Amino acid sequence: MSNDDPLEPTGTGPDSDTAGTDRYLRVEDIPETAPAADLTWQERLADAIPTKRRTLKYILAISIALLWIVPFIGLLMASFRPLSEIIGGWWHVEGMTLTLENYYGAWNYSTAPMSQALLNTFIVTIPAVLVVMLLGVMAAYPFARFEFPLKTTLFFLILLVMAAPPELVAMGNYNALRDIGLFDTYMGLILIHIGWGLGWVVLFLRNFLLGIPKELEEAAKIDGASRYQIFRTIILPLSTPALVSVAVIQFTWVWNAFFFPLVFMRSPELYLAPQVLPLMSGRVQVEWGMIAAGSIMTMAVPVILFLVLQRYYTRGMVAAVAD
């Protein structure tokens, strides 16, 4: 057998009998009984029981979680049940009928089908997220590293834009989009979302970039790297967790936005998912099952995105807040 075999002792030659003792116990060294535990099972059980303060925290956390989960469970159950059972209360499970008719109805709704609405929402959301990420990190880097005139004033203006209500943004841009021909277009709505989200993205990414050691950039300068090369090869890769956090938050906000599409989008074929949901209420009676199915389809996309990117999202949020 070769000496590379993991089961073969590593020693060779006359000392090979003792060379393998570092890896294997000799037969006479093996104890006849198992080693005694450091703690008895009573002591381990006592240590596992949480204190009163921690128990109260658990109860509070579970209660808050139930407040969020129970409505979602009701919405999910309503999306799979006919209207006659929903009216009687979704919590009644006796004789429950499961059906996909609500999803078919919402997907192919006559006035504004959810299939087209979801596609329209993707068309608006993806560019609004990508452009905000790119412009945000490019604007945040100078605020984190450079000194230039009016730096404090400009940063204060960015914070001021964050404090502005969305109604003010809509009033200021309504006539502007009409004058330039971008009203009731995807491009116009994308620009509104970019301008609205850029402020908090710059603030968020600036706080993250302040935590990146300057020594990395100084070492790159000594090696002859330009400022662009430093930004592309050092800053952007290290900012991946923060950029993922920005992408998840911005995607969720744009995807679920109702006010801006309501103001700037008027053509039914351009409606986004949040605009379509109120149209499913019907004229004679409210189609609760169809509305529930449309809501589940709408909320599923950002939830899946968060679950996929949760690890990077958590790292970026912790670093940005801590720094």
C-alpha atoms as a PDB file:
ATOM      1  CA  MET A   1       0.000   0.000   0.000  1.00  0.00           C
ATOM      2  CA  SER A   2       1.288   3.460  -0.902  1.00  0.00           C
ATOM      3  CA  ASN A   3       2.241   5.949   1.784  1.00  0.00           C
ATOM      4  CA  ASP A   4      -0.337   8.304   0.258  1.00  0.00           C
ATOM      5  CA  ASP A   5      -3.134   6.075   1.517  1.00  0.00           C
ATOM      6  CA  PRO A   6      -4.991   7.939   4.293  1.00  0.00           C
ATOM      7  CA  LEU A   7      -5.249   4.697   6.301  1.00  0.00           C
ATOM      8  CA  GLU A   8      -1.516   4.058   6.258  1.00  0.00           C
ATOM      9  CA  PRO A   9       0.662   5.495   9.090  1.00  0.00           C
ATOM     10  CA  THR A  10       2.801   8.359   7.895  1.00  0.00           C
ATOM     11  CA  GLY A  11       6.105   7.140   9.341  1.00  0.00           C
ATOM     12  CA  THR A  12       8.648   5.056   7.432  1.00  0.00           C
ATOM     13  CA  GLY A  13      11.866   3.312   8.325  1.00  0.00           C
ATOM     14  CA  PRO A  14      12.817   2.033  11.751  1.00  0.00           C
ATOM     15  CA  ASP A  15      10.614   4.562  13.547  1.00  0.00           C
ATOM     16  CA  SER A  16       7.495   3.697  11.562  1.00  0.00           C
ATOM     17  CA  ASP A  17       5.954   1.911  14.563  1.00  0.00           C
ATOM     18  CA  THR A  18       5.811   5.164  16.504  1.00  0.00           C
ATOM     19  CA  ALA A  19       5.321   7.603  13.615  1.00  0.00           C
ATOM     20  CA  GLY A  20       1.631   6.846  13.315  1.00  0.00           C
ATOM     21  CA  THR A  21       0.876   7.367  16.998  1.00  0.00           C
ATOM     22  CA  ASP A  22      -0.019  10.999  16.340  1.00  0.00           C
ATOM     23  CA  ARG A  23      -2.952   9.834  14.254  1.00  0.00           C
ATOM     24  CA  TYR A  24      -4.041   6.571  15.893  1.00  0.00           C
ATOM     25  CA  LEU A  25      -4.398   5.453  19.495  1.00  0.00           C
ATOM     26  CA  ARG A  26      -2.711   2.283  20.526  1.00  0.00           C
ATOM     27  CA  VAL A  27      -4.983  -0.522  21.705  1.00  0.00           C
ATOM     28  CA  GLU A  28      -3.756  -0.296  25.268  1.00  0.00           C
ATOM     29  CA  ASP A  29      -4.494   3.457  25.326  1.00  0.00           C
ATOM     30  CA  ILE A  30      -8.168   3.084  24.437  1.00  0.00           C
ATOM     31  CA  PRO A  31     -10.275   3.498  27.634  1.00  0.00           C
ATOM     32  CA  GLU A  32     -12.728   0.747  28.481  1.00  0.00           C
ATOM     33  CA  THR A  33     -15.490   3.225  29.415  1.00  0.00           C
ATOM     34  CA  ALA A  34     -16.691   6.422  27.781  1.00  0.00           C
ATOM     35  CA  PRO A  35     -15.436   9.657  29.318  1.00  0.00           C
ATOM     36  CA  ALA A  36     -17.744  11.211  31.871  1.00  0.00           C
ATOM     37  CA  ALA A  37     -19.825  14.165  30.727  1.00  0.00           C
ATOM     38  CA  ASP A  38     -18.915  17.578  32.031  1.00  0.00           C
ATOM     39  CA  LEU A  39     -22.544  18.239  32.966  1.00  0.00           C
ATOM     40  CA  THR A  40     -25.316  15.923  34.002  1.00  0.00           C
ATOM     41  CA  TRP A  41     -28.499  15.796  31.943  1.00  0.00           C
ATOM     42  CA  GLN A  42     -30.300  17.724  34.682  1.00  0.00           C
ATOM     43  CA  GLU A  43     -27.743  20.519  34.461  1.00  0.00           C
ATOM     44  CA  ARG A  44     -27.898  20.569  30.660  1.00  0.00           C
ATOM     45  CA  LEU A  45     -31.700  20.756  30.786  1.00  0.00           C
ATOM     46  CA  ALA A  46     -31.548  23.600  33.298  1.00  0.00           C
ATOM     47  CA  ASP A  47     -29.133  25.524  31.050  1.00  0.00           C
ATOM     48  CA  ALA A  48     -31.408  25.005  28.027  1.00  0.00           C
ATOM     49  CA  ILE A  49     -34.416  26.566  29.754  1.00  0.00           C
ATOM     50  CA  PRO A  50     -34.460  30.287  28.837  1.00  0.00           C
ATOM     51  CA  THR A  51     -34.591  32.953  31.496  1.00  0.00           C
ATOM     52  CA  LYS A  52     -37.765  34.938  32.146  1.00  0.00           C
ATOM     53  CA  ARG A  53     -36.433  37.902  30.192  1.00  0.00           C
ATOM     54  CA  ARG A  54     -35.519  35.771  27.185  1.00  0.00           C
ATOM     55  CA  THR A  55     -38.867  33.977  27.399  1.00  0.00           C
ATOM     56  CA  LEU A  56     -40.672  37.316  27.177  1.00  0.00           C
ATOM     57  CA  LYS A  57     -38.574  38.195  24.129  1.00  0.00           C
ATOM     58  CA  TYR A  58     -39.501  34.893  22.482  1.00  0.00           C
ATOM     59  CA  ILE A  59     -43.188  35.446  23.194  1.00  0.00           C
ATOM     60  CA  LEU A  60     -43.042  38.983  21.783  1.00  0.00           C
ATOM     61  CA  ALA A  61     -41.173  37.857  18.658  1.00  0.00           C
ATOM     62  CA  ILE A  62     -43.575  34.975  18.031  1.00  0.00           C
ATOM     63  CA  SER A  63     -46.582  37.258  18.520  1.00  0.00           C
ATOM     64  CA  ILE A  64     -45.260  39.787  16.005  1.00  0.00           C
ATOM     65  CA  ALA A  65     -44.505  36.986  13.554  1.00  0.00           C
ATOM     66  CA  LEU A  66     -48.054  35.665  13.869  1.00  0.00           C
ATOM     67  CA  LEU A  67     -49.461  39.139  13.189  1.00  0.00           C
ATOM     68  CA  TRP A  68     -47.629  39.067   9.845  1.00  0.00           C
ATOM     69  CA  ILE A  69     -48.124  35.405   8.980  1.00  0.00           C
ATOM     70  CA  VAL A  70     -51.822  34.941   9.764  1.00  0.00           C
ATOM     71  CA  PRO A  71     -53.080  37.497   7.181  1.00  0.00           C
ATOM     72  CA  PHE A  72     -50.797  35.945   4.573  1.00  0.00           C
ATOM     73  CA  ILE A  73     -52.156  32.472   5.357  1.00  0.00           C
ATOM     74  CA  GLY A  74     -55.686  33.816   4.960  1.00  0.00           C
ATOM     75  CA  LEU A  75     -54.772  35.428   1.644  1.00  0.00           C
ATOM     76  CA  LEU A  76     -53.139  32.226   0.405  1.00  0.00           C
ATOM     77  CA  MET A  77     -56.110  30.060   1.391  1.00  0.00           C
ATOM     78  CA  ALA A  78     -58.545  32.504  -0.195  1.00  0.00           C
ATOM     79  CA  SER A  79     -56.642  32.359  -3.484  1.00  0.00           C
ATOM     80  CA  PHE A  80     -57.291  28.601  -3.770  1.00  0.00           C
ATOM     81  CA  ARG A  81     -60.941  28.562  -2.713  1.00  0.00           C
ATOM     82  CA  PRO A  82     -64.198  29.536  -4.466  1.00  0.00           C
ATOM     83  CA  LEU A  83     -66.006  32.713  -3.524  1.00  0.00           C
ATOM     84  CA  SER A  84     -68.819  30.894  -1.693  1.00  0.00           C
ATOM     85  CA  GLU A  85     -66.333  29.437   0.810  1.00  0.00           C
ATOM     86  CA  ILE A  86     -64.402  32.684   1.221  1.00  0.00           C
ATOM     87  CA  ILE A  87     -67.512  34.630   2.179  1.00  0.00           C
ATOM     88  CA  GLY A  88     -68.176  32.130   4.972  1.00  0.00           C
ATOM     89  CA  GLY A  89     -64.669  32.707   6.377  1.00  0.00           C
ATOM     90  CA  TRP A  90     -61.352  31.414   5.116  1.00  0.00           C
ATOM     91  CA  TRP A  91     -60.593  29.832   8.497  1.00  0.00           C
ATOM     92  CA  HIS A  92     -63.359  27.251   8.022  1.00  0.00           C
ATOM     93  CA  VAL A  93     -61.529  24.235   6.615  1.00  0.00           C
ATOM     94  CA  GLU A  94     -64.305  21.631   6.780  1.00  0.00           C
ATOM     95  CA  GLY A  95     -65.266  20.579   3.279  1.00  0.00           C
ATOM     96  CA  MET A  96     -62.666  22.921   1.798  1.00  0.00           C
ATOM     97  CA  THR A  97     -62.447  22.949  -2.003  1.00  0.00           C
ATOM     98  CA  LEU A  98     -59.109  23.696  -3.646  1.00  0.00           C
ATOM     99  CA  THR A  99     -59.129  25.166  -7.135  1.00  0.00           C
ATOM    100  CA  LEU A 100     -56.886  27.146  -9.484  1.00  0.00           C
ATOM    101  CA  GLU A 101     -59.767  29.018 -11.097  1.00  0.00           C
ATOM    102  CA  ASN A 102     -58.875  32.206  -9.249  1.00  0.00           C
ATOM    103  CA  TYR A 103     -55.340  32.127 -10.675  1.00  0.00           C
ATOM    104  CA  TYR A 104     -56.614  31.420 -14.182  1.00  0.00           C
ATOM    105  CA  GLY A 105     -59.121  34.249 -13.859  1.00  0.00           C
ATOM    106  CA  ALA A 106     -56.538  36.742 -12.609  1.00  0.00           C
ATOM    107  CA  TRP A 107     -53.958  35.709 -15.195  1.00  0.00           C
ATOM    108  CA  ASN A 108     -56.412  36.173 -18.078  1.00  0.00           C
ATOM    109  CA  TYR A 109     -58.611  38.932 -16.638  1.00  0.00           C
ATOM    110  CA  SER A 110     -60.524  40.632 -19.432  1.00  0.00           C
ATOM    111  CA  THR A 111     -60.014  44.293 -18.488  1.00  0.00           C
ATOM    112  CA  ALA A 112     -56.353  44.074 -17.468  1.00  0.00           C
ATOM    113  CA  PRO A 113     -54.790  40.579 -17.388  1.00  0.00           C
ATOM    114  CA  MET A 114     -52.252  39.945 -14.674  1.00  0.00           C
ATOM    115  CA  SER A 115     -49.968  38.266 -17.222  1.00  0.00           C
ATOM    116  CA  GLN A 116     -49.474  41.547 -19.102  1.00  0.00           C
ATOM    117  CA  ALA A 117     -49.356  43.566 -15.893  1.00  0.00           C
ATOM    118  CA  LEU A 118     -46.516  41.464 -14.479  1.00  0.00           C
ATOM    119  CA  LEU A 119     -44.575  41.839 -17.724  1.00  0.00           C
ATOM    120  CA  ASN A 120     -45.092  45.613 -17.632  1.00  0.00           C
ATOM    121  CA  THR A 121     -43.910  45.700 -14.022  1.00  0.00           C
ATOM    122  CA  PHE A 122     -40.716  43.859 -14.963  1.00  0.00           C
ATOM    123  CA  ILE A 123     -40.112  46.314 -17.817  1.00  0.00           C
ATOM    124  CA  VAL A 124     -40.264  49.242 -15.382  1.00  0.00           C
ATOM    125  CA  THR A 125     -38.623  47.683 -12.330  1.00  0.00           C
ATOM    126  CA  ILE A 126     -35.468  46.132 -13.776  1.00  0.00           C
ATOM    127  CA  PRO A 127     -34.087  49.304 -15.440  1.00  0.00           C
ATOM    128  CA  ALA A 128     -35.092  51.398 -12.432  1.00  0.00           C
ATOM    129  CA  VAL A 129     -33.083  49.083 -10.168  1.00  0.00           C
ATOM    130  CA  LEU A 130     -30.000  48.691 -12.361  1.00  0.00           C
ATOM    131  CA  VAL A 131     -29.636  52.393 -13.166  1.00  0.00           C
ATOM    132  CA  VAL A 132     -30.101  53.416  -9.527  1.00  0.00           C
ATOM    133  CA  MET A 133     -27.447  50.902  -8.447  1.00  0.00           C
ATOM    134  CA  LEU A 134     -24.933  52.185 -11.014  1.00  0.00           C
ATOM    135  CA  LEU A 135     -25.547  55.888 -10.477  1.00  0.00           C
ATOM    136  CA  GLY A 136     -25.807  55.423  -6.721  1.00  0.00           C
ATOM    137  CA  VAL A 137     -22.397  53.804  -6.275  1.00  0.00           C
ATOM    138  CA  MET A 138     -20.796  56.301  -8.679  1.00  0.00           C
ATOM    139  CA  ALA A 139     -22.226  59.219  -6.676  1.00  0.00           C
ATOM    140  CA  ALA A 140     -21.584  57.678  -3.258  1.00  0.00           C
ATOM    141  CA  TYR A 141     -17.882  57.027  -3.886  1.00  0.00           C
ATOM    142  CA  PRO A 142     -16.894  60.734  -4.141  1.00  0.00           C
ATOM    143  CA  PHE A 143     -18.899  61.540  -1.014  1.00  0.00           C
ATOM    144  CA  ALA A 144     -17.051  58.797   0.854  1.00  0.00           C
ATOM    145  CA  ARG A 145     -13.510  59.471  -0.384  1.00  0.00           C
ATOM    146  CA  PHE A 146     -13.074  62.939  -1.924  1.00  0.00           C
ATOM    147  CA  GLU A 147     -13.113  66.482  -0.628  1.00  0.00           C
ATOM    148  CA  PHE A 148     -14.643  69.012  -3.011  1.00  0.00           C
ATOM    149  CA  PRO A 149     -16.482  72.346  -2.787  1.00  0.00           C
ATOM    150  CA  LEU A 150     -20.106  72.282  -1.612  1.00  0.00           C
ATOM    151  CA  LYS A 151     -19.789  68.650  -0.571  1.00  0.00           C
ATOM    152  CA  THR A 152     -21.833  69.153   2.604  1.00  0.00           C
ATOM    153  CA  THR A 153     -24.425  71.256   0.780  1.00  0.00           C
ATOM    154  CA  LEU A 154     -24.923  68.697  -1.963  1.00  0.00           C
ATOM    155  CA  PHE A 155     -25.209  65.875   0.531  1.00  0.00           C
ATOM    156  CA  PHE A 156     -27.803  67.890   2.458  1.00  0.00           C
ATOM    157  CA  LEU A 157     -29.795  68.356  -0.750  1.00  0.00           C
ATOM    158  CA  ILE A 158     -29.768  64.608  -1.292  1.00  0.00           C
ATOM    159  CA  LEU A 159     -31.160  64.103   2.204  1.00  0.00           C
ATOM    160  CA  LEU A 160     -33.760  66.776   1.473  1.00  0.00           C
ATOM    161  CA  VAL A 161     -34.954  64.855  -1.581  1.00  0.00           C
ATOM    162  CA  MET A 162     -35.407  61.796   0.630  1.00  0.00           C
ATOM    163  CA  ALA A 163     -37.660  63.793   2.945  1.00  0.00           C
ATOM    164  CA  ALA A 164     -39.888  65.020   0.110  1.00  0.00           C
ATOM    165  CA  PRO A 165     -43.281  63.265  -0.066  1.00  0.00           C
ATOM    166  CA  PRO A 166     -44.116  61.386  -3.274  1.00  0.00           C
ATOM    167  CA  GLU A 167     -47.039  63.763  -3.918  1.00  0.00           C
ATOM    168  CA  LEU A 168     -44.561  66.626  -4.228  1.00  0.00           C
ATOM    169  CA  VAL A 169     -42.468  64.648  -6.706  1.00  0.00           C
ATOM    170  CA  ALA A 170     -45.568  63.859  -8.759  1.00  0.00           C
ATOM    171  CA  MET A 171     -46.706  67.483  -8.854  1.00  0.00           C
ATOM    172  CA  GLY A 172     -43.287  68.689  -9.957  1.00  0.00           C
ATOM    173  CA  ASN A 173     -42.902  66.138 -12.744  1.00  0.00           C
ATOM    174  CA  TYR A 174     -46.441  65.752 -14.083  1.00  0.00           C
ATOM    175  CA  ASN A 175     -46.304  68.678 -16.503  1.00  0.00           C
ATOM    176  CA  ALA A 176     -42.612  68.090 -17.239  1.00  0.00           C
ATOM    177  CA  LEU A 177     -43.271  64.581 -18.534  1.00  0.00           C
ATOM    178  CA  ARG A 178     -46.190  65.852 -20.609  1.00  0.00           C
ATOM    179  CA  ASP A 179     -44.066  68.574 -22.185  1.00  0.00           C
ATOM    180  CA  ILE A 180     -41.278  66.209 -23.219  1.00  0.00           C
ATOM    181  CA  GLY A 181     -43.630  63.464 -24.400  1.00  0.00           C
ATOM    182  CA  LEU A 182     -42.804  60.888 -21.718  1.00  0.00           C
ATOM    183  CA  PHE A 183     -46.149  60.916 -19.942  1.00  0.00           C
ATOM    184  CA  ASP A 184     -47.880  57.516 -19.981  1.00  0.00           C
ATOM    185  CA  THR A 185     -44.687  55.765 -21.085  1.00  0.00           C
ATOM    186  CA  TYR A 186     -42.381  53.238 -19.483  1.00  0.00           C
ATOM    187  CA  MET A 187     -39.420  55.599 -19.792  1.00  0.00           C
ATOM    188  CA  GLY A 188     -41.170  58.391 -17.945  1.00  0.00           C
ATOM    189  CA  LEU A 189     -42.106  56.136 -15.036  1.00  0.00           C
ATOM    190  CA  ILE A 190     -38.587  54.673 -14.923  1.00  0.00           C
ATOM    191  CA  LEU A 191     -37.075  58.161 -14.670  1.00  0.00           C
ATOM    192  CA  ILE A 192     -39.433  59.033 -11.819  1.00  0.00           C
ATOM    193  CA  HIS A 193     -38.410  55.928  -9.881  1.00  0.00           C
ATOM    194  CA  ILE A 194     -34.722  56.613 -10.531  1.00  0.00           C
ATOM    195  CA  GLY A 195     -34.947  60.171  -9.246  1.00  0.00           C
ATOM    196  CA  TRP A 196     -37.032  59.120  -6.253  1.00  0.00           C
ATOM    197  CA  GLY A 197     -34.734  56.272  -5.194  1.00  0.00           C
ATOM    198  CA  LEU A 198     -31.341  57.818  -5.887  1.00  0.00           C
ATOM    199  CA  GLY A 199     -31.216  59.821  -2.648  1.00  0.00           C
ATOM    200  CA  TRP A 200     -31.452  56.961  -0.185  1.00  0.00           C
ATOM    201  CA  VAL A 201     -29.188  54.776  -2.348  1.00  0.00           C
ATOM    202  CA  VAL A 202     -26.390  57.374  -2.234  1.00  0.00           C
ATOM    203  CA  LEU A 203     -26.743  57.704   1.532  1.00  0.00           C
ATOM    204  CA  PHE A 204     -26.801  53.937   2.033  1.00  0.00           C
ATOM    205  CA  LEU A 205     -23.807  53.214  -0.202  1.00  0.00           C
ATOM    206  CA  ARG A 206     -21.792  56.130   1.213  1.00  0.00           C
ATOM    207  CA  ASN A 207     -22.098  54.665   4.700  1.00  0.00           C
ATOM    208  CA  PHE A 208     -20.982  51.286   3.376  1.00  0.00           C
ATOM    209  CA  LEU A 209     -17.996  52.681   1.458  1.00  0.00           C
ATOM    210  CA  LEU A 210     -16.761  54.513   4.532  1.00  0.00           C
ATOM    211  CA  GLY A 211     -16.126  51.101   6.081  1.00  0.00           C
ATOM    212  CA  ILE A 212     -13.779  49.967   3.287  1.00  0.00           C
ATOM    213  CA  PRO A 213     -10.132  50.507   4.390  1.00  0.00           C
ATOM    214  CA  LYS A 214      -8.368  53.275   2.518  1.00  0.00           C
ATOM    215  CA  GLU A 215      -5.152  51.271   2.660  1.00  0.00           C
ATOM    216  CA  LEU A 216      -6.434  49.038  -0.133  1.00  0.00           C
ATOM    217  CA  GLU A 217      -6.748  52.021  -2.467  1.00  0.00           C
ATOM    218  CA  GLU A 218      -3.399  53.451  -1.397  1.00  0.00           C
ATOM    219  CA  ALA A 219      -1.681  50.140  -2.148  1.00  0.00           C
ATOM    220  CA  ALA A 220      -3.305  50.089  -5.583  1.00  0.00           C
ATOM    221  CA  LYS A 221      -2.090  53.647  -6.234  1.00  0.00           C
ATOM    222  CA  ILE A 222       1.460  52.614  -5.387  1.00  0.00           C
ATOM    223  CA  ASP A 223       1.156  49.825  -7.964  1.00  0.00           C
ATOM    224  CA  GLY A 224       0.166  52.415 -10.574  1.00  0.00           C
ATOM    225  CA  ALA A 225      -3.596  51.859 -10.711  1.00  0.00           C
ATOM    226  CA  SER A 226      -5.742  54.748 -11.855  1.00  0.00           C
ATOM    227  CA  ARG A 227      -8.776  55.968  -9.959  1.00  0.00           C
ATOM    228  CA  TYR A 228     -11.071  54.217 -12.440  1.00  0.00           C
ATOM    229  CA  GLN A 229      -9.168  50.955 -12.047  1.00  0.00           C
ATOM    230  CA  ILE A 230      -9.393  51.223  -8.271  1.00  0.00           C
ATOM    231  CA  PHE A 231     -13.129  51.828  -8.483  1.00  0.00           C
ATOM    232  CA  ARG A 232     -13.695  48.959 -10.922  1.00  0.00           C
ATOM    233  CA  THR A 233     -11.405  46.307  -9.430  1.00  0.00           C
ATOM    234  CA  ILE A 234     -11.562  47.110  -5.697  1.00  0.00           C
ATOM    235  CA  ILE A 235     -14.573  49.226  -4.773  1.00  0.00           C
ATOM    236  CA  LEU A 236     -17.209  47.497  -6.900  1.00  0.00           C
ATOM    237  CA  PRO A 237     -16.292  43.909  -5.876  1.00  0.00           C
ATOM    238  CA  LEU A 238     -16.147  44.842  -2.195  1.00  0.00           C
ATOM    239  CA  SER A 239     -19.476  46.664  -2.496  1.00  0.00           C
ATOM    240  CA  THR A 240     -21.343  43.585  -3.730  1.00  0.00           C
ATOM    241  CA  PRO A 241     -23.251  42.977  -0.449  1.00  0.00           C
ATOM    242  CA  ALA A 242     -24.372  46.608  -0.295  1.00  0.00           C
ATOM    243  CA  LEU A 243     -25.366  46.621  -3.966  1.00  0.00           C
ATOM    244  CA  VAL A 244     -27.419  43.467  -3.433  1.00  0.00           C
ATOM    245  CA  SER A 245     -29.159  45.116  -0.489  1.00  0.00           C
ATOM    246  CA  VAL A 246     -29.897  48.151  -2.642  1.00  0.00           C
ATOM    247  CA  ALA A 247     -31.207  45.949  -5.434  1.00  0.00           C
ATOM    248  CA  VAL A 248     -33.573  44.027  -3.142  1.00  0.00           C
ATOM    249  CA  ILE A 249     -34.980  47.125  -1.432  1.00  0.00           C
ATOM    250  CA  GLN A 250     -35.294  49.180  -4.614  1.00  0.00           C
ATOM    251  CA  PHE A 251     -36.849  46.253  -6.471  1.00  0.00           C
ATOM    252  CA  THR A 252     -39.437  45.796  -3.740  1.00  0.00           C
ATOM    253  CA  TRP A 253     -40.310  49.493  -3.644  1.00  0.00           C
ATOM    254  CA  VAL A 254     -40.621  49.892  -7.398  1.00  0.00           C
ATOM    255  CA  TRP A 255     -42.442  46.587  -7.850  1.00  0.00           C
ATOM    256  CA  ASN A 256     -45.049  47.407  -5.188  1.00  0.00           C
ATOM    257  CA  ALA A 257     -45.373  51.118  -6.025  1.00  0.00           C
ATOM    258  CA  PHE A 258     -48.960  52.188  -6.607  1.00  0.00           C
ATOM    259  CA  PHE A 259     -48.992  55.978  -6.440  1.00  0.00           C
ATOM    260  CA  PHE A 260     -46.531  56.777  -9.249  1.00  0.00           C
ATOM    261  CA  PRO A 261     -48.078  54.346 -11.782  1.00  0.00           C
ATOM    262  CA  LEU A 262     -51.520  55.655 -10.854  1.00  0.00           C
ATOM    263  CA  VAL A 263     -50.461  59.220 -11.671  1.00  0.00           C
ATOM    264  CA  PHE A 264     -48.223  58.712 -14.698  1.00  0.00           C
ATOM    265  CA  MET A 265     -49.719  55.645 -16.450  1.00  0.00           C
ATOM    266  CA  ARG A 266     -53.159  55.960 -18.068  1.00  0.00           C
ATOM    267  CA  SER A 267     -53.271  53.365 -20.876  1.00  0.00           C
ATOM    268  CA  PRO A 268     -54.789  50.022 -19.730  1.00  0.00           C
ATOM    269  CA  GLU A 269     -52.300  48.049 -21.805  1.00  0.00           C
ATOM    270  CA  LEU A 270     -49.466  49.703 -19.836  1.00  0.00           C
ATOM    271  CA  TYR A 271     -50.902  49.100 -16.376  1.00  0.00           C
ATOM    272  CA  LEU A 272     -48.602  47.623 -13.746  1.00  0.00           C
ATOM    273  CA  ALA A 273     -49.529  44.852 -11.324  1.00  0.00           C
ATOM    274  CA  PRO A 274     -50.487  47.154  -8.392  1.00  0.00           C
ATOM    275  CA  GLN A 275     -52.838  49.044 -10.740  1.00  0.00           C
ATOM    276  CA  VAL A 276     -54.534  45.890 -11.964  1.00  0.00           C
ATOM    277  CA  LEU A 277     -55.449  44.499  -8.556  1.00  0.00           C
ATOM    278  CA  PRO A 278     -58.148  47.130  -7.764  1.00  0.00           C
ATOM    279  CA  LEU A 279     -59.732  46.524 -11.183  1.00  0.00           C
ATOM    280  CA  MET A 280     -60.528  42.926 -10.220  1.00  0.00           C
ATOM    281  CA  SER A 281     -63.088  44.018  -7.653  1.00  0.00           C
ATOM    282  CA  GLY A 282     -65.850  43.666 -10.246  1.00  0.00           C
ATOM    283  CA  ARG A 283     -69.038  45.683 -10.732  1.00  0.00           C
ATOM    284  CA  VAL A 284     -71.651  43.404  -9.179  1.00  0.00           C
ATOM    285  CA  GLN A 285     -69.638  41.708  -6.430  1.00  0.00           C
ATOM    286  CA  VAL A 286     -66.057  41.719  -5.227  1.00  0.00           C
ATOM    287  CA  GLU A 287     -64.088  38.746  -6.541  1.00  0.00           C
ATOM    288  CA  TRP A 288     -62.100  38.170  -3.376  1.00  0.00           C
ATOM    289  CA  GLY A 289     -60.557  34.935  -4.611  1.00  0.00           C
ATOM    290  CA  MET A 290     -59.316  36.540  -7.818  1.00  0.00           C
ATOM    291  CA  ILE A 291     -57.909  39.523  -5.928  1.00  0.00           C
ATOM    292  CA  ALA A 292     -56.168  37.149  -3.512  1.00  0.00           C
ATOM    293  CA  ALA A 293     -54.671  35.163  -6.399  1.00  0.00           C
ATOM    294  CA  GLY A 294     -53.456  38.346  -8.091  1.00  0.00           C
ATOM    295  CA  SER A 295     -51.943  39.544  -4.816  1.00  0.00           C
ATOM    296  CA  ILE A 296     -50.088  36.268  -4.330  1.00  0.00           C
ATOM    297  CA  MET A 297     -48.663  36.422  -7.849  1.00  0.00           C
ATOM    298  CA  THR A 298     -47.621  40.036  -7.336  1.00  0.00           C
ATOM    299  CA  MET A 299     -45.919  39.529  -3.987  1.00  0.00           C
ATOM    300  CA  ALA A 300     -44.254  36.249  -4.954  1.00  0.00           C
ATOM    301  CA  VAL A 301     -41.583  37.907  -7.124  1.00  0.00           C
ATOM    302  CA  PRO A 302     -39.943  40.171  -4.481  1.00  0.00           C
ATOM    303  CA  VAL A 303     -40.268  37.449  -1.835  1.00  0.00           C
ATOM    304  CA  ILE A 304     -38.420  34.941  -4.042  1.00  0.00           C
ATOM    305  CA  LEU A 305     -35.774  37.561  -4.826  1.00  0.00           C
ATOM    306  CA  PHE A 306     -35.241  38.219  -1.130  1.00  0.00           C
ATOM    307  CA  LEU A 307     -34.960  34.518  -0.306  1.00  0.00           C
ATOM    308  CA  VAL A 308     -32.388  33.959  -3.059  1.00  0.00           C
ATOM    309  CA  LEU A 309     -30.237  36.964  -2.076  1.00  0.00           C
ATOM    310  CA  GLN A 310     -30.869  36.876   1.665  1.00  0.00           C
ATOM    311  CA  ARG A 311     -27.261  36.108   2.642  1.00  0.00           C
ATOM    312  CA  TYR A 312     -25.796  39.049   0.696  1.00  0.00           C
ATOM    313  CA  TYR A 313     -28.670  41.314   1.696  1.00  0.00           C
ATOM    314  CA  THR A 314     -28.033  40.719   5.408  1.00  0.00           C
ATOM    315  CA  ARG A 315     -24.287  41.344   5.073  1.00  0.00           C
ATOM    316  CA  GLY A 316     -24.831  44.594   3.194  1.00  0.00           C
ATOM    317  CA  MET A 317     -27.445  45.904   5.606  1.00  0.00           C
ATOM    318  CA  VAL A 318     -25.338  45.138   8.695  1.00  0.00           C
ATOM    319  CA  ALA A 319     -22.206  46.710   7.235  1.00  0.00           C
ATOM    320  CA  ALA A 320     -23.969  49.866   6.027  1.00  0.00           C
ATOM    321  CA  VAL A 321     -25.768  50.440   9.319  1.00  0.00           C
ATOM    322  CA  ALA A 322     -22.742  49.602  11.487  1.00  0.00           C
ATOM    323  CA  ASP A 323     -20.399  51.856   9.555  1.00  0.00           C
END
